[in-house]
N, C-alpha and C. Protein backbone atom coordinates (compact mmCIF):
# COMPACT_ATOMS: atom_id res chain seq x y z
N MET A 1 93.14 71.04 41.09
CA MET A 1 92.62 71.32 42.43
C MET A 1 91.28 72.04 42.22
N PRO A 2 90.21 71.55 42.83
CA PRO A 2 88.92 72.21 42.66
C PRO A 2 88.90 73.51 43.46
N ARG A 3 88.23 74.52 42.78
CA ARG A 3 88.04 75.77 43.36
C ARG A 3 86.75 75.88 44.15
N ALA A 4 86.83 76.51 45.27
CA ALA A 4 85.62 76.74 46.05
C ALA A 4 84.85 77.84 45.39
N CYS A 5 83.58 77.67 45.53
CA CYS A 5 82.64 78.79 44.91
C CYS A 5 82.85 80.09 45.52
N GLY A 6 83.07 81.16 44.65
CA GLY A 6 83.14 82.53 45.22
C GLY A 6 84.58 82.84 45.63
N THR A 7 85.58 82.06 45.41
CA THR A 7 86.94 82.43 45.69
C THR A 7 87.56 83.03 44.48
N LEU A 8 88.45 84.02 44.76
CA LEU A 8 89.19 84.73 43.67
C LEU A 8 90.54 84.22 43.65
N GLU A 9 91.07 83.97 42.45
CA GLU A 9 92.51 83.67 42.39
C GLU A 9 93.20 84.74 41.63
N PRO A 10 94.37 85.07 42.04
CA PRO A 10 95.08 86.11 41.30
C PRO A 10 95.37 85.78 39.87
N ARG A 11 95.30 86.67 39.05
CA ARG A 11 95.60 86.42 37.62
C ARG A 11 97.08 86.38 37.43
N THR A 12 97.57 85.45 36.56
CA THR A 12 98.90 85.35 36.21
C THR A 12 99.16 85.19 34.80
N GLY A 13 100.31 85.41 34.32
CA GLY A 13 100.55 85.26 32.91
C GLY A 13 100.47 86.53 32.09
N LEU A 14 100.51 86.42 30.84
CA LEU A 14 100.57 87.53 29.89
C LEU A 14 99.31 88.38 29.97
N GLY A 15 98.19 87.78 30.16
CA GLY A 15 96.88 88.60 30.30
C GLY A 15 96.98 89.53 31.46
N ALA A 16 97.47 89.03 32.56
CA ALA A 16 97.55 89.87 33.83
C ALA A 16 98.52 91.02 33.55
N GLU A 17 99.58 90.81 32.89
CA GLU A 17 100.56 91.87 32.62
C GLU A 17 99.94 92.90 31.75
N ARG A 18 99.18 92.48 30.74
CA ARG A 18 98.51 93.52 29.89
C ARG A 18 97.54 94.31 30.63
N MET A 19 96.76 93.62 31.54
CA MET A 19 95.70 94.30 32.32
C MET A 19 96.42 95.32 33.21
N ARG A 20 97.49 94.98 33.87
CA ARG A 20 98.23 95.91 34.72
C ARG A 20 98.71 97.06 33.96
N GLY A 21 99.26 96.86 32.83
CA GLY A 21 99.74 97.90 31.89
C GLY A 21 98.61 98.80 31.50
N ARG A 22 97.42 98.36 31.13
CA ARG A 22 96.27 99.19 30.83
C ARG A 22 95.85 99.91 32.02
N ASN A 23 95.75 99.28 33.13
CA ASN A 23 95.32 100.05 34.39
C ASN A 23 96.29 101.17 34.67
N MET A 24 97.61 100.98 34.55
CA MET A 24 98.59 101.92 34.76
C MET A 24 98.47 103.09 33.76
N LEU A 25 98.07 102.75 32.52
CA LEU A 25 97.92 103.81 31.45
C LEU A 25 96.71 104.62 31.84
N TRP A 26 95.66 104.02 32.25
CA TRP A 26 94.47 104.83 32.65
C TRP A 26 94.70 105.66 33.82
N VAL A 27 95.45 105.15 34.82
CA VAL A 27 95.75 105.96 36.00
C VAL A 27 96.62 107.11 35.62
N THR A 28 97.60 106.93 34.67
CA THR A 28 98.51 107.98 34.29
C THR A 28 97.68 109.05 33.46
N ILE A 29 96.81 108.57 32.62
CA ILE A 29 96.02 109.58 31.85
C ILE A 29 95.09 110.36 32.78
N ALA A 30 94.45 109.71 33.72
CA ALA A 30 93.62 110.41 34.70
C ALA A 30 94.36 111.44 35.55
N LEU A 31 95.51 111.08 35.96
CA LEU A 31 96.31 112.01 36.81
C LEU A 31 96.74 113.16 35.88
N GLY A 32 97.12 112.85 34.65
CA GLY A 32 97.50 113.98 33.70
C GLY A 32 96.40 114.89 33.48
N ILE A 33 95.23 114.37 33.26
CA ILE A 33 94.05 115.23 33.08
C ILE A 33 93.80 116.07 34.30
N GLY A 34 93.80 115.40 35.47
CA GLY A 34 93.59 116.19 36.69
C GLY A 34 94.56 117.26 36.98
N PHE A 35 95.91 117.01 36.65
CA PHE A 35 96.86 118.06 36.89
C PHE A 35 96.64 119.15 35.89
N ALA A 36 96.29 118.80 34.62
CA ALA A 36 96.09 119.85 33.58
C ALA A 36 94.91 120.78 33.91
N VAL A 37 93.77 120.13 34.42
CA VAL A 37 92.61 120.91 34.86
C VAL A 37 92.99 121.78 36.01
N GLY A 38 93.64 121.21 36.98
CA GLY A 38 93.99 122.09 38.13
C GLY A 38 94.91 123.22 37.84
N TYR A 39 95.92 122.90 36.97
CA TYR A 39 96.81 124.02 36.54
C TYR A 39 96.05 125.03 35.76
N ALA A 40 95.09 124.67 34.94
CA ALA A 40 94.39 125.70 34.17
C ALA A 40 93.50 126.56 35.09
N ARG A 41 92.96 125.95 36.13
CA ARG A 41 92.16 126.72 37.08
C ARG A 41 93.07 127.70 37.86
N LEU A 42 94.26 127.27 38.20
CA LEU A 42 95.12 128.07 38.98
C LEU A 42 95.74 129.19 38.14
N ALA A 43 95.90 128.99 36.85
CA ALA A 43 96.54 129.95 35.97
C ALA A 43 95.64 131.10 35.64
N GLN A 44 94.27 130.95 35.80
CA GLN A 44 93.35 132.00 35.40
C GLN A 44 93.53 133.17 36.50
N GLN A 45 93.32 134.36 35.91
CA GLN A 45 93.38 135.52 36.78
C GLN A 45 92.05 135.70 37.46
N THR A 46 92.16 136.07 38.70
CA THR A 46 90.96 136.37 39.53
C THR A 46 90.50 137.80 39.15
N PRO A 47 89.33 138.08 39.48
CA PRO A 47 88.85 139.51 39.15
C PRO A 47 89.69 140.56 39.94
N THR A 48 90.13 140.21 41.15
CA THR A 48 90.96 141.23 41.79
C THR A 48 92.22 141.42 41.18
N GLU A 49 92.85 140.35 40.74
CA GLU A 49 94.11 140.40 40.03
C GLU A 49 93.93 141.16 38.67
N SER A 50 92.86 140.98 37.95
CA SER A 50 92.67 141.69 36.72
C SER A 50 92.52 143.20 36.92
N ARG A 51 91.77 143.62 38.01
CA ARG A 51 91.53 145.00 38.31
C ARG A 51 92.86 145.58 38.76
N THR A 52 93.72 144.92 39.48
CA THR A 52 95.02 145.43 39.98
C THR A 52 95.85 145.66 38.76
N ALA A 53 95.92 144.66 37.87
CA ALA A 53 96.74 144.84 36.59
C ALA A 53 96.30 146.04 35.79
N GLN A 54 95.00 146.18 35.68
CA GLN A 54 94.46 147.30 34.86
C GLN A 54 94.77 148.65 35.53
N PHE A 55 94.70 148.70 36.85
CA PHE A 55 95.11 149.96 37.59
C PHE A 55 96.52 150.22 37.41
N ALA A 56 97.39 149.18 37.51
CA ALA A 56 98.85 149.42 37.36
C ALA A 56 99.19 149.88 36.03
N ALA A 57 98.54 149.43 34.98
CA ALA A 57 98.82 149.85 33.62
C ALA A 57 98.56 151.31 33.42
N HIS A 58 97.61 151.88 34.12
CA HIS A 58 97.23 153.30 33.89
C HIS A 58 97.82 154.26 34.94
N ASP A 59 98.53 153.66 35.94
CA ASP A 59 99.13 154.42 37.03
C ASP A 59 100.42 155.08 36.57
N ARG A 60 100.48 156.41 36.60
CA ARG A 60 101.68 157.17 36.19
C ARG A 60 102.49 157.69 37.34
N THR A 61 102.18 157.25 38.54
CA THR A 61 102.91 157.84 39.70
C THR A 61 103.94 156.79 40.20
N ALA A 62 104.75 156.20 39.38
CA ALA A 62 105.76 155.22 39.83
C ALA A 62 106.85 155.85 40.57
N TYR A 63 107.36 155.10 41.52
CA TYR A 63 108.35 155.70 42.41
C TYR A 63 109.72 155.30 41.74
N THR A 64 110.62 156.34 41.63
CA THR A 64 112.02 156.14 41.19
C THR A 64 113.02 156.72 42.09
N LEU A 65 114.15 156.21 42.15
CA LEU A 65 115.22 156.63 43.05
C LEU A 65 115.90 157.82 42.37
N PRO A 66 116.43 158.75 43.20
CA PRO A 66 117.33 159.84 42.63
C PRO A 66 118.57 159.14 42.03
N PRO A 67 119.22 159.80 41.02
CA PRO A 67 120.33 159.11 40.40
C PRO A 67 121.39 158.69 41.34
N ALA A 68 121.86 159.49 42.36
CA ALA A 68 122.81 159.15 43.33
C ALA A 68 122.48 157.89 44.14
N LYS A 69 121.20 157.79 44.61
CA LYS A 69 120.82 156.60 45.35
C LYS A 69 120.66 155.34 44.50
N LEU A 70 120.26 155.57 43.20
CA LEU A 70 120.13 154.48 42.29
C LEU A 70 121.55 153.86 42.01
N GLU A 71 122.59 154.69 41.76
CA GLU A 71 123.89 154.14 41.66
C GLU A 71 124.31 153.36 42.88
N ARG A 72 124.09 153.91 44.03
CA ARG A 72 124.43 153.17 45.28
C ARG A 72 123.70 151.88 45.42
N ALA A 73 122.34 151.90 45.03
CA ALA A 73 121.60 150.69 45.17
C ALA A 73 122.10 149.60 44.15
N VAL A 74 122.46 150.02 42.95
CA VAL A 74 122.97 149.04 42.01
C VAL A 74 124.33 148.53 42.46
N ALA A 75 125.13 149.32 42.99
CA ALA A 75 126.50 148.82 43.53
C ALA A 75 126.29 147.87 44.68
N LEU A 76 125.32 148.17 45.56
CA LEU A 76 125.04 147.22 46.70
C LEU A 76 124.49 145.92 46.21
N GLU A 77 123.69 145.94 45.20
CA GLU A 77 123.12 144.70 44.61
C GLU A 77 124.23 143.89 44.00
N ARG A 78 125.14 144.57 43.32
CA ARG A 78 126.26 143.79 42.68
C ARG A 78 127.11 143.18 43.83
N THR A 79 127.34 143.92 44.84
CA THR A 79 128.15 143.32 45.96
C THR A 79 127.43 142.15 46.66
N ARG A 80 126.06 142.35 46.75
CA ARG A 80 125.34 141.22 47.38
C ARG A 80 125.39 139.99 46.45
N ARG A 81 125.30 140.08 45.14
CA ARG A 81 125.42 138.95 44.25
C ARG A 81 126.78 138.25 44.37
N LYS A 82 127.87 139.06 44.46
CA LYS A 82 129.20 138.51 44.58
C LYS A 82 129.30 137.70 45.87
N LEU A 83 128.65 138.21 46.95
CA LEU A 83 128.72 137.50 48.22
C LEU A 83 127.95 136.23 48.21
N VAL A 84 126.80 136.17 47.48
CA VAL A 84 126.06 134.97 47.39
C VAL A 84 126.85 133.92 46.69
N VAL A 85 127.55 134.29 45.60
CA VAL A 85 128.42 133.30 44.88
C VAL A 85 129.60 132.89 45.79
N ALA A 86 130.12 133.81 46.59
CA ALA A 86 131.22 133.51 47.35
C ALA A 86 130.76 132.56 48.52
N GLU A 87 129.60 132.72 49.07
CA GLU A 87 129.03 131.88 50.06
C GLU A 87 128.78 130.46 49.58
N THR A 88 128.33 130.39 48.35
CA THR A 88 128.06 129.16 47.69
C THR A 88 129.31 128.32 47.47
N LEU A 89 130.41 128.99 47.05
CA LEU A 89 131.61 128.31 46.79
C LEU A 89 132.43 128.00 48.16
N TRP A 90 132.22 128.89 49.19
CA TRP A 90 132.85 128.75 50.38
C TRP A 90 132.46 127.55 51.29
N GLY A 91 131.12 127.18 51.07
CA GLY A 91 130.52 126.05 51.90
C GLY A 91 131.35 124.72 51.66
N PRO A 92 131.47 124.23 50.41
CA PRO A 92 132.25 123.03 50.23
C PRO A 92 133.77 123.25 50.46
N ALA A 93 134.27 124.45 50.11
CA ALA A 93 135.72 124.78 50.35
C ALA A 93 135.96 124.65 51.88
N GLN A 94 135.13 125.18 52.74
CA GLN A 94 135.47 125.11 54.16
C GLN A 94 135.44 123.70 54.69
N LEU A 95 134.58 122.83 54.18
CA LEU A 95 134.60 121.38 54.59
C LEU A 95 135.91 120.71 54.14
N VAL A 96 136.34 121.01 52.91
CA VAL A 96 137.65 120.47 52.54
C VAL A 96 138.77 120.98 53.27
N LEU A 97 138.78 122.29 53.59
CA LEU A 97 139.79 122.91 54.46
C LEU A 97 139.81 122.30 55.84
N LEU A 98 138.62 122.10 56.47
CA LEU A 98 138.61 121.48 57.84
C LEU A 98 139.15 120.04 57.77
N LEU A 99 138.89 119.32 56.71
CA LEU A 99 139.35 117.94 56.55
C LEU A 99 140.90 117.96 56.36
N ALA A 100 141.36 118.87 55.48
CA ALA A 100 142.79 118.79 55.11
C ALA A 100 143.63 119.26 56.29
N LEU A 101 143.17 120.17 57.06
CA LEU A 101 143.93 120.69 58.28
C LEU A 101 143.85 119.71 59.44
N GLY A 102 142.98 118.71 59.38
CA GLY A 102 142.88 117.77 60.49
C GLY A 102 142.02 118.24 61.55
N VAL A 103 141.25 119.28 61.34
CA VAL A 103 140.37 119.82 62.41
C VAL A 103 139.25 118.84 62.69
N VAL A 104 138.74 118.26 61.68
CA VAL A 104 137.62 117.22 61.87
C VAL A 104 138.07 116.08 62.73
N ALA A 105 139.30 115.64 62.56
CA ALA A 105 139.85 114.55 63.32
C ALA A 105 139.96 114.89 64.77
N ARG A 106 140.44 116.12 65.00
CA ARG A 106 140.54 116.66 66.40
C ARG A 106 139.14 116.78 67.09
N LEU A 107 138.15 117.24 66.31
CA LEU A 107 136.79 117.43 66.80
C LEU A 107 136.26 116.02 67.16
N ARG A 108 136.53 115.04 66.32
CA ARG A 108 136.07 113.64 66.62
C ARG A 108 136.70 113.15 67.85
N ASP A 109 138.02 113.31 68.00
CA ASP A 109 138.66 112.78 69.20
C ASP A 109 138.14 113.50 70.40
N TRP A 110 137.92 114.74 70.43
CA TRP A 110 137.36 115.52 71.51
C TRP A 110 135.95 115.05 71.79
N ALA A 111 135.16 114.86 70.83
CA ALA A 111 133.75 114.36 71.03
C ALA A 111 133.76 112.98 71.68
N VAL A 112 134.69 112.11 71.25
CA VAL A 112 134.80 110.73 71.80
C VAL A 112 135.21 110.82 73.26
N SER A 113 136.11 111.77 73.60
CA SER A 113 136.59 111.84 74.99
C SER A 113 135.54 112.47 75.96
N LEU A 114 134.47 113.07 75.39
CA LEU A 114 133.47 113.66 76.19
C LEU A 114 132.54 112.65 76.90
N SER A 115 132.19 111.56 76.11
CA SER A 115 131.31 110.60 76.62
C SER A 115 131.57 109.25 76.09
N LYS A 116 131.01 108.14 76.77
CA LYS A 116 131.21 106.87 76.25
C LYS A 116 130.04 106.37 75.36
N TYR A 117 128.99 107.17 75.40
CA TYR A 117 127.80 106.81 74.61
C TYR A 117 127.88 107.36 73.23
N ARG A 118 127.59 106.52 72.20
CA ARG A 118 127.73 106.88 70.86
C ARG A 118 126.82 108.10 70.45
N TRP A 119 125.62 108.02 70.87
CA TRP A 119 124.73 109.10 70.48
C TRP A 119 125.22 110.45 70.99
N ALA A 120 125.75 110.52 72.29
CA ALA A 120 126.26 111.77 72.82
C ALA A 120 127.59 112.14 72.06
N GLN A 121 128.37 111.21 71.63
CA GLN A 121 129.55 111.56 70.87
C GLN A 121 129.18 112.09 69.53
N GLY A 122 128.16 111.48 68.78
CA GLY A 122 127.64 111.99 67.60
C GLY A 122 127.11 113.42 67.66
N PHE A 123 126.25 113.60 68.77
CA PHE A 123 125.78 114.91 68.92
C PHE A 123 126.82 115.96 69.19
N ALA A 124 127.82 115.61 70.02
CA ALA A 124 128.88 116.55 70.34
C ALA A 124 129.70 116.85 69.05
N PHE A 125 130.04 115.86 68.21
CA PHE A 125 130.73 116.02 66.99
C PHE A 125 130.03 116.95 66.06
N VAL A 126 128.76 116.69 65.81
CA VAL A 126 127.94 117.52 64.91
C VAL A 126 127.88 119.01 65.40
N PHE A 127 127.65 119.05 66.76
CA PHE A 127 127.68 120.42 67.33
C PHE A 127 128.95 121.13 67.07
N LEU A 128 130.03 120.50 67.35
CA LEU A 128 131.32 121.15 67.22
C LEU A 128 131.65 121.36 65.75
N LEU A 129 131.29 120.54 64.84
CA LEU A 129 131.51 120.79 63.43
C LEU A 129 130.74 121.97 62.95
N LEU A 130 129.44 122.07 63.29
CA LEU A 130 128.57 123.18 62.90
C LEU A 130 129.08 124.53 63.51
N LEU A 131 129.59 124.40 64.72
CA LEU A 131 130.10 125.62 65.32
C LEU A 131 131.36 126.12 64.60
N ALA A 132 132.30 125.16 64.22
CA ALA A 132 133.51 125.50 63.47
C ALA A 132 133.12 126.07 62.06
N MET A 133 132.09 125.54 61.41
CA MET A 133 131.66 126.06 60.17
C MET A 133 131.04 127.41 60.25
N ARG A 134 130.36 127.57 61.33
CA ARG A 134 129.67 128.93 61.58
C ARG A 134 130.75 129.97 61.80
N LEU A 135 131.82 129.67 62.57
CA LEU A 135 132.85 130.53 62.74
C LEU A 135 133.58 130.94 61.50
N LEU A 136 133.70 129.94 60.56
CA LEU A 136 134.29 130.23 59.28
C LEU A 136 133.42 131.08 58.41
N ASP A 137 132.11 131.04 58.66
CA ASP A 137 131.18 131.85 57.86
C ASP A 137 131.08 133.21 58.29
N LEU A 138 131.65 133.56 59.49
CA LEU A 138 131.47 134.96 60.07
C LEU A 138 132.00 136.03 59.16
N PRO A 139 133.19 135.92 58.49
CA PRO A 139 133.62 137.02 57.68
C PRO A 139 132.68 137.35 56.50
N LEU A 140 131.95 136.34 56.04
CA LEU A 140 131.01 136.62 54.90
C LEU A 140 129.75 137.23 55.40
N GLU A 141 129.43 137.03 56.72
CA GLU A 141 128.21 137.52 57.26
C GLU A 141 128.30 139.03 57.67
N ILE A 142 129.49 139.47 57.97
CA ILE A 142 129.71 140.88 58.35
C ILE A 142 129.72 141.71 57.22
């Protein structure tokens, strides 16, 4: 079939695959260089940061807690860490608990009885489920 003058045909075959591969390689290299240069510029200290670091190195008036308050602060931090772990484990556990006790099914039935529209049923169910989960979270929040 004769080609009209000035028309472009898409390249096909092995040569086109090699060219796409080379183009992707060049794009990857350019992005890598761009990210490396940007990271290097961001990693440099500004003059203000260097002056602050120099002042902090020579500052001898650091604030410390009295021993009794330091013990209390360390104990509070340990308790806080334990609560963070407990909250992390409690999230999935409360979902399993709600499913095992059939609370989710009751919430679904209640949401379905509230409206005949699916979006309203979904909204009501999600609202009720989040409310139940929030109520289960209250002991950890206090």
